[in-house]
Amino acid sequence: MKGTYLGEFEEVVLLAVAIRSGDAYGAAVVTEIEQQMNRSVNLGAVHSALNRLAEKGLVTSELGGMTAERGGRRKRLYSVTAAGRRALQEIRHVRNQMWDSIPNTVWS
């Protein structure tokens, strides 16, 4: 397993996989990110991030069933591992701690 440091895009992809739990394949992850962040995303970049997350042990994948809409091809479905969940929780904790540390005078 590679290191568990997450870049910003990897974090976003991992969150999208968690949101789409049970239906997280490449195109669905792209759609989720675009809807949540109003940001255009490249499918190839998402697949690269998913591969890195899998190498780090933060997601796992399995092939879904064949569908007629995909010409009989199968989808690779991703899910967040326990290590992935811990990584997201730690990032959330650190970010919340940093937000809470900003003095009120900064915003006035």
N, C-alpha and C. Protein backbone atom coordinates (compact mmCIF):
# COMPACT_ATOMS: atom_id res chain seq x y z
N MET A 1 0.84 -1.18 0.00
CA MET A 1 0.00 0.00 0.00
C MET A 1 0.88 1.23 0.00
N LYS A 2 0.54 2.20 -0.87
CA LYS A 2 1.26 3.46 -0.91
C LYS A 2 0.88 4.30 0.30
N GLY A 3 1.53 5.45 0.44
CA GLY A 3 1.20 6.38 1.52
C GLY A 3 -0.25 6.82 1.41
N THR A 4 -0.78 7.33 2.49
CA THR A 4 -2.19 7.71 2.48
C THR A 4 -2.42 9.20 2.33
N TYR A 5 -1.35 9.96 2.02
CA TYR A 5 -1.55 11.38 1.79
C TYR A 5 -2.53 11.55 0.63
N LEU A 6 -3.50 12.45 0.81
CA LEU A 6 -4.48 12.71 -0.24
C LEU A 6 -4.30 14.10 -0.80
N GLY A 7 -4.22 14.19 -2.11
CA GLY A 7 -4.27 15.49 -2.76
C GLY A 7 -5.71 15.97 -2.77
N GLU A 8 -5.92 17.24 -3.10
CA GLU A 8 -7.27 17.81 -3.08
C GLU A 8 -8.20 17.06 -4.03
N PHE A 9 -7.74 16.74 -5.23
CA PHE A 9 -8.62 16.06 -6.18
C PHE A 9 -8.92 14.64 -5.72
N GLU A 10 -7.93 13.96 -5.16
CA GLU A 10 -8.17 12.61 -4.63
C GLU A 10 -9.22 12.65 -3.52
N GLU A 11 -9.14 13.66 -2.67
CA GLU A 11 -10.13 13.80 -1.60
C GLU A 11 -11.53 13.98 -2.19
N VAL A 12 -11.65 14.83 -3.20
CA VAL A 12 -12.94 15.07 -3.84
C VAL A 12 -13.48 13.78 -4.47
N VAL A 13 -12.62 13.05 -5.15
CA VAL A 13 -13.05 11.78 -5.78
C VAL A 13 -13.47 10.78 -4.70
N LEU A 14 -12.70 10.69 -3.61
CA LEU A 14 -13.04 9.76 -2.53
C LEU A 14 -14.38 10.13 -1.91
N LEU A 15 -14.63 11.42 -1.72
CA LEU A 15 -15.93 11.86 -1.20
C LEU A 15 -17.06 11.49 -2.17
N ALA A 16 -16.83 11.67 -3.46
CA ALA A 16 -17.86 11.33 -4.45
C ALA A 16 -18.15 9.83 -4.45
N VAL A 17 -17.11 9.02 -4.27
CA VAL A 17 -17.33 7.56 -4.18
C VAL A 17 -18.18 7.24 -2.96
N ALA A 18 -17.91 7.91 -1.85
CA ALA A 18 -18.69 7.68 -0.63
C ALA A 18 -20.14 8.11 -0.83
N ILE A 19 -20.35 9.25 -1.48
CA ILE A 19 -21.71 9.74 -1.72
C ILE A 19 -22.48 8.78 -2.62
N ARG A 20 -21.81 8.25 -3.65
CA ARG A 20 -22.47 7.36 -4.62
C ARG A 20 -22.43 5.90 -4.19
N SER A 21 -22.29 5.66 -2.94
CA SER A 21 -22.15 4.31 -2.40
C SER A 21 -23.07 3.31 -3.10
N GLY A 22 -22.48 2.26 -3.63
CA GLY A 22 -23.24 1.23 -4.33
C GLY A 22 -23.40 1.50 -5.81
N ASP A 23 -23.14 2.73 -6.25
CA ASP A 23 -23.27 3.09 -7.66
C ASP A 23 -22.13 4.02 -8.08
N ALA A 24 -20.96 3.78 -7.55
CA ALA A 24 -19.81 4.65 -7.83
C ALA A 24 -18.93 4.04 -8.91
N TYR A 25 -19.21 4.38 -10.15
CA TYR A 25 -18.34 4.03 -11.27
C TYR A 25 -17.86 5.33 -11.89
N GLY A 26 -16.90 5.27 -12.79
CA GLY A 26 -16.23 6.46 -13.29
C GLY A 26 -17.16 7.59 -13.69
N ALA A 27 -18.10 7.33 -14.59
CA ALA A 27 -18.98 8.40 -15.09
C ALA A 27 -19.87 8.94 -13.96
N ALA A 28 -20.32 8.08 -13.06
CA ALA A 28 -21.16 8.52 -11.94
C ALA A 28 -20.36 9.43 -11.00
N VAL A 29 -19.10 9.11 -10.81
CA VAL A 29 -18.25 9.95 -9.95
C VAL A 29 -18.05 11.32 -10.60
N VAL A 30 -17.84 11.33 -11.92
CA VAL A 30 -17.72 12.61 -12.64
C VAL A 30 -18.98 13.44 -12.44
N THR A 31 -20.14 12.83 -12.65
CA THR A 31 -21.42 13.53 -12.50
C THR A 31 -21.59 14.07 -11.09
N GLU A 32 -21.24 13.26 -10.10
CA GLU A 32 -21.40 13.69 -8.70
C GLU A 32 -20.53 14.91 -8.40
N ILE A 33 -19.27 14.88 -8.85
CA ILE A 33 -18.37 16.00 -8.60
C ILE A 33 -18.89 17.26 -9.32
N GLU A 34 -19.31 17.10 -10.57
CA GLU A 34 -19.80 18.26 -11.32
C GLU A 34 -21.04 18.87 -10.67
N GLN A 35 -21.93 18.02 -10.16
CA GLN A 35 -23.15 18.53 -9.51
C GLN A 35 -22.83 19.17 -8.15
N GLN A 36 -21.97 18.54 -7.39
CA GLN A 36 -21.67 19.03 -6.05
C GLN A 36 -20.83 20.31 -6.07
N MET A 37 -19.90 20.39 -7.02
CA MET A 37 -18.92 21.47 -7.00
C MET A 37 -19.08 22.46 -8.15
N ASN A 38 -20.04 22.20 -9.04
CA ASN A 38 -20.22 23.06 -10.20
C ASN A 38 -18.88 23.26 -10.90
N ARG A 39 -18.23 22.13 -11.16
CA ARG A 39 -16.86 22.12 -11.68
C ARG A 39 -16.78 21.06 -12.76
N SER A 40 -16.22 21.39 -13.89
CA SER A 40 -16.04 20.43 -14.96
C SER A 40 -14.91 19.46 -14.61
N VAL A 41 -15.14 18.17 -14.86
CA VAL A 41 -14.17 17.15 -14.49
C VAL A 41 -13.95 16.22 -15.67
N ASN A 42 -12.71 15.83 -15.87
CA ASN A 42 -12.32 14.93 -16.96
C ASN A 42 -12.40 13.49 -16.46
N LEU A 43 -13.05 12.61 -17.23
CA LEU A 43 -13.20 11.20 -16.85
C LEU A 43 -11.85 10.52 -16.67
N GLY A 44 -10.90 10.84 -17.53
CA GLY A 44 -9.56 10.24 -17.41
C GLY A 44 -8.88 10.63 -16.11
N ALA A 45 -9.07 11.87 -15.69
CA ALA A 45 -8.48 12.31 -14.42
C ALA A 45 -9.12 11.58 -13.25
N VAL A 46 -10.43 11.33 -13.35
CA VAL A 46 -11.12 10.59 -12.28
C VAL A 46 -10.59 9.15 -12.22
N HIS A 47 -10.43 8.53 -13.38
CA HIS A 47 -9.92 7.15 -13.39
C HIS A 47 -8.50 7.10 -12.82
N SER A 48 -7.68 8.08 -13.15
CA SER A 48 -6.32 8.12 -12.59
C SER A 48 -6.37 8.25 -11.07
N ALA A 49 -7.24 9.13 -10.58
CA ALA A 49 -7.37 9.31 -9.13
C ALA A 49 -7.89 8.03 -8.48
N LEU A 50 -8.86 7.37 -9.11
CA LEU A 50 -9.38 6.12 -8.55
C LEU A 50 -8.29 5.06 -8.47
N ASN A 51 -7.44 5.00 -9.50
CA ASN A 51 -6.33 4.03 -9.48
C ASN A 51 -5.36 4.34 -8.34
N ARG A 52 -5.05 5.63 -8.14
CA ARG A 52 -4.15 6.00 -7.03
C ARG A 52 -4.78 5.67 -5.68
N LEU A 53 -6.08 5.94 -5.56
CA LEU A 53 -6.77 5.63 -4.30
C LEU A 53 -6.78 4.13 -4.05
N ALA A 54 -6.93 3.34 -5.10
CA ALA A 54 -6.90 1.88 -4.94
C ALA A 54 -5.51 1.41 -4.52
N GLU A 55 -4.46 2.01 -5.12
CA GLU A 55 -3.08 1.66 -4.74
C GLU A 55 -2.81 1.99 -3.28
N LYS A 56 -3.44 3.03 -2.77
CA LYS A 56 -3.27 3.45 -1.37
C LYS A 56 -4.17 2.64 -0.43
N GLY A 57 -5.03 1.80 -0.98
CA GLY A 57 -5.93 1.00 -0.16
C GLY A 57 -7.11 1.77 0.38
N LEU A 58 -7.45 2.89 -0.26
CA LEU A 58 -8.54 3.73 0.22
C LEU A 58 -9.86 3.44 -0.48
N VAL A 59 -9.80 2.80 -1.64
CA VAL A 59 -11.00 2.30 -2.31
C VAL A 59 -10.72 0.88 -2.78
N THR A 60 -11.79 0.17 -2.98
CA THR A 60 -11.71 -1.15 -3.59
C THR A 60 -12.70 -1.15 -4.74
N SER A 61 -12.57 -2.11 -5.65
CA SER A 61 -13.49 -2.13 -6.79
C SER A 61 -13.85 -3.56 -7.15
N GLU A 62 -14.97 -3.65 -7.84
CA GLU A 62 -15.41 -4.94 -8.38
C GLU A 62 -16.20 -4.66 -9.64
N LEU A 63 -16.28 -5.64 -10.52
CA LEU A 63 -17.04 -5.47 -11.75
C LEU A 63 -18.52 -5.72 -11.47
N GLY A 64 -19.37 -4.81 -11.97
CA GLY A 64 -20.81 -4.99 -11.87
C GLY A 64 -21.31 -5.85 -13.01
N GLY A 65 -22.62 -6.00 -13.10
CA GLY A 65 -23.20 -6.80 -14.16
C GLY A 65 -23.18 -6.10 -15.50
N MET A 66 -23.34 -6.89 -16.56
CA MET A 66 -23.39 -6.33 -17.91
C MET A 66 -24.73 -5.63 -18.10
N THR A 67 -24.69 -4.52 -18.84
CA THR A 67 -25.93 -3.80 -19.11
C THR A 67 -26.06 -3.54 -20.60
N ALA A 68 -27.30 -3.57 -21.09
CA ALA A 68 -27.55 -3.32 -22.51
C ALA A 68 -27.19 -1.88 -22.88
N GLU A 69 -27.44 -0.95 -21.95
CA GLU A 69 -27.15 0.46 -22.23
C GLU A 69 -25.67 0.70 -22.46
N ARG A 70 -24.82 -0.17 -21.95
CA ARG A 70 -23.37 -0.04 -22.14
C ARG A 70 -22.86 -1.05 -23.17
N GLY A 71 -23.76 -1.59 -24.00
CA GLY A 71 -23.37 -2.52 -25.04
C GLY A 71 -22.82 -3.82 -24.47
N GLY A 72 -23.34 -4.23 -23.32
CA GLY A 72 -22.92 -5.48 -22.72
C GLY A 72 -21.66 -5.36 -21.87
N ARG A 73 -21.09 -4.16 -21.80
CA ARG A 73 -19.90 -3.97 -20.96
C ARG A 73 -20.29 -3.86 -19.50
N ARG A 74 -19.35 -4.20 -18.66
CA ARG A 74 -19.58 -4.15 -17.22
C ARG A 74 -18.97 -2.88 -16.64
N LYS A 75 -19.60 -2.36 -15.59
CA LYS A 75 -19.08 -1.20 -14.89
C LYS A 75 -18.13 -1.65 -13.80
N ARG A 76 -17.06 -0.88 -13.57
CA ARG A 76 -16.21 -1.13 -12.41
C ARG A 76 -16.73 -0.24 -11.28
N LEU A 77 -17.26 -0.87 -10.26
CA LEU A 77 -17.87 -0.16 -9.14
C LEU A 77 -16.87 -0.02 -8.00
N TYR A 78 -16.76 1.18 -7.47
CA TYR A 78 -15.80 1.49 -6.40
C TYR A 78 -16.53 1.69 -5.08
N SER A 79 -15.86 1.32 -4.01
CA SER A 79 -16.39 1.60 -2.67
C SER A 79 -15.24 2.01 -1.76
N VAL A 80 -15.56 2.80 -0.77
CA VAL A 80 -14.57 3.31 0.17
C VAL A 80 -14.25 2.21 1.18
N THR A 81 -12.96 2.00 1.42
CA THR A 81 -12.53 1.00 2.41
C THR A 81 -12.55 1.64 3.80
N ALA A 82 -12.32 0.84 4.82
CA ALA A 82 -12.23 1.36 6.19
C ALA A 82 -11.09 2.37 6.29
N ALA A 83 -9.98 2.10 5.62
CA ALA A 83 -8.85 3.05 5.62
C ALA A 83 -9.25 4.35 4.92
N GLY A 84 -10.04 4.25 3.86
CA GLY A 84 -10.51 5.44 3.17
C GLY A 84 -11.42 6.27 4.04
N ARG A 85 -12.30 5.60 4.78
CA ARG A 85 -13.19 6.32 5.69
C ARG A 85 -12.39 7.04 6.77
N ARG A 86 -11.37 6.35 7.32
CA ARG A 86 -10.52 6.98 8.35
C ARG A 86 -9.79 8.19 7.78
N ALA A 87 -9.29 8.06 6.55
CA ALA A 87 -8.57 9.18 5.92
C ALA A 87 -9.49 10.38 5.76
N LEU A 88 -10.73 10.15 5.32
CA LEU A 88 -11.68 11.26 5.17
C LEU A 88 -12.03 11.88 6.51
N GLN A 89 -12.22 11.05 7.52
CA GLN A 89 -12.55 11.58 8.84
C GLN A 89 -11.39 12.41 9.40
N GLU A 90 -10.16 11.96 9.16
CA GLU A 90 -9.00 12.71 9.66
C GLU A 90 -8.88 14.05 8.94
N ILE A 91 -9.07 14.05 7.64
CA ILE A 91 -9.02 15.31 6.88
C ILE A 91 -10.10 16.27 7.39
N ARG A 92 -11.29 15.75 7.60
CA ARG A 92 -12.39 16.59 8.10
C ARG A 92 -12.03 17.17 9.47
N HIS A 93 -11.48 16.34 10.34
CA HIS A 93 -11.10 16.78 11.68
C HIS A 93 -10.05 17.90 11.60
N VAL A 94 -9.02 17.71 10.81
CA VAL A 94 -7.95 18.70 10.69
C VAL A 94 -8.49 20.00 10.13
N ARG A 95 -9.33 19.90 9.09
CA ARG A 95 -9.88 21.13 8.50
C ARG A 95 -10.79 21.87 9.48
N ASN A 96 -11.63 21.13 10.19
CA ASN A 96 -12.50 21.77 11.19
C ASN A 96 -11.67 22.44 12.27
N GLN A 97 -10.62 21.77 12.69
CA GLN A 97 -9.74 22.33 13.73
C GLN A 97 -9.10 23.63 13.23
N MET A 98 -8.67 23.63 11.98
CA MET A 98 -8.07 24.84 11.41
C MET A 98 -9.10 25.96 11.29
N TRP A 99 -10.31 25.65 10.83
CA TRP A 99 -11.36 26.66 10.73
C TRP A 99 -11.67 27.24 12.10
N ASP A 100 -11.74 26.36 13.10
CA ASP A 100 -12.04 26.82 14.46
C ASP A 100 -10.92 27.66 15.06
N SER A 101 -9.72 27.57 14.52
CA SER A 101 -8.57 28.31 15.04
C SER A 101 -8.43 29.70 14.45
N ILE A 102 -9.24 30.02 13.46
CA ILE A 102 -9.18 31.35 12.84
C ILE A 102 -9.77 32.35 13.83
N PRO A 103 -9.01 33.38 14.19
CA PRO A 103 -9.55 34.39 15.12
C PRO A 103 -10.73 35.13 14.49
N ASN A 104 -11.70 35.47 15.30
CA ASN A 104 -12.89 36.18 14.81
C ASN A 104 -12.52 37.50 14.16
N THR A 105 -11.42 38.10 14.59
CA THR A 105 -11.03 39.40 14.04
C THR A 105 -10.65 39.33 12.56
N VAL A 106 -10.30 38.15 12.10
CA VAL A 106 -9.93 38.00 10.69
C VAL A 106 -11.12 38.28 9.78
N TRP A 107 -12.32 37.94 10.22
CA TRP A 107 -13.51 38.08 9.38
C TRP A 107 -14.21 39.43 9.52
N SER A 108 -13.78 40.26 10.47
CA SER A 108 -14.48 41.54 10.64
C SER A 108 -13.82 42.66 9.87
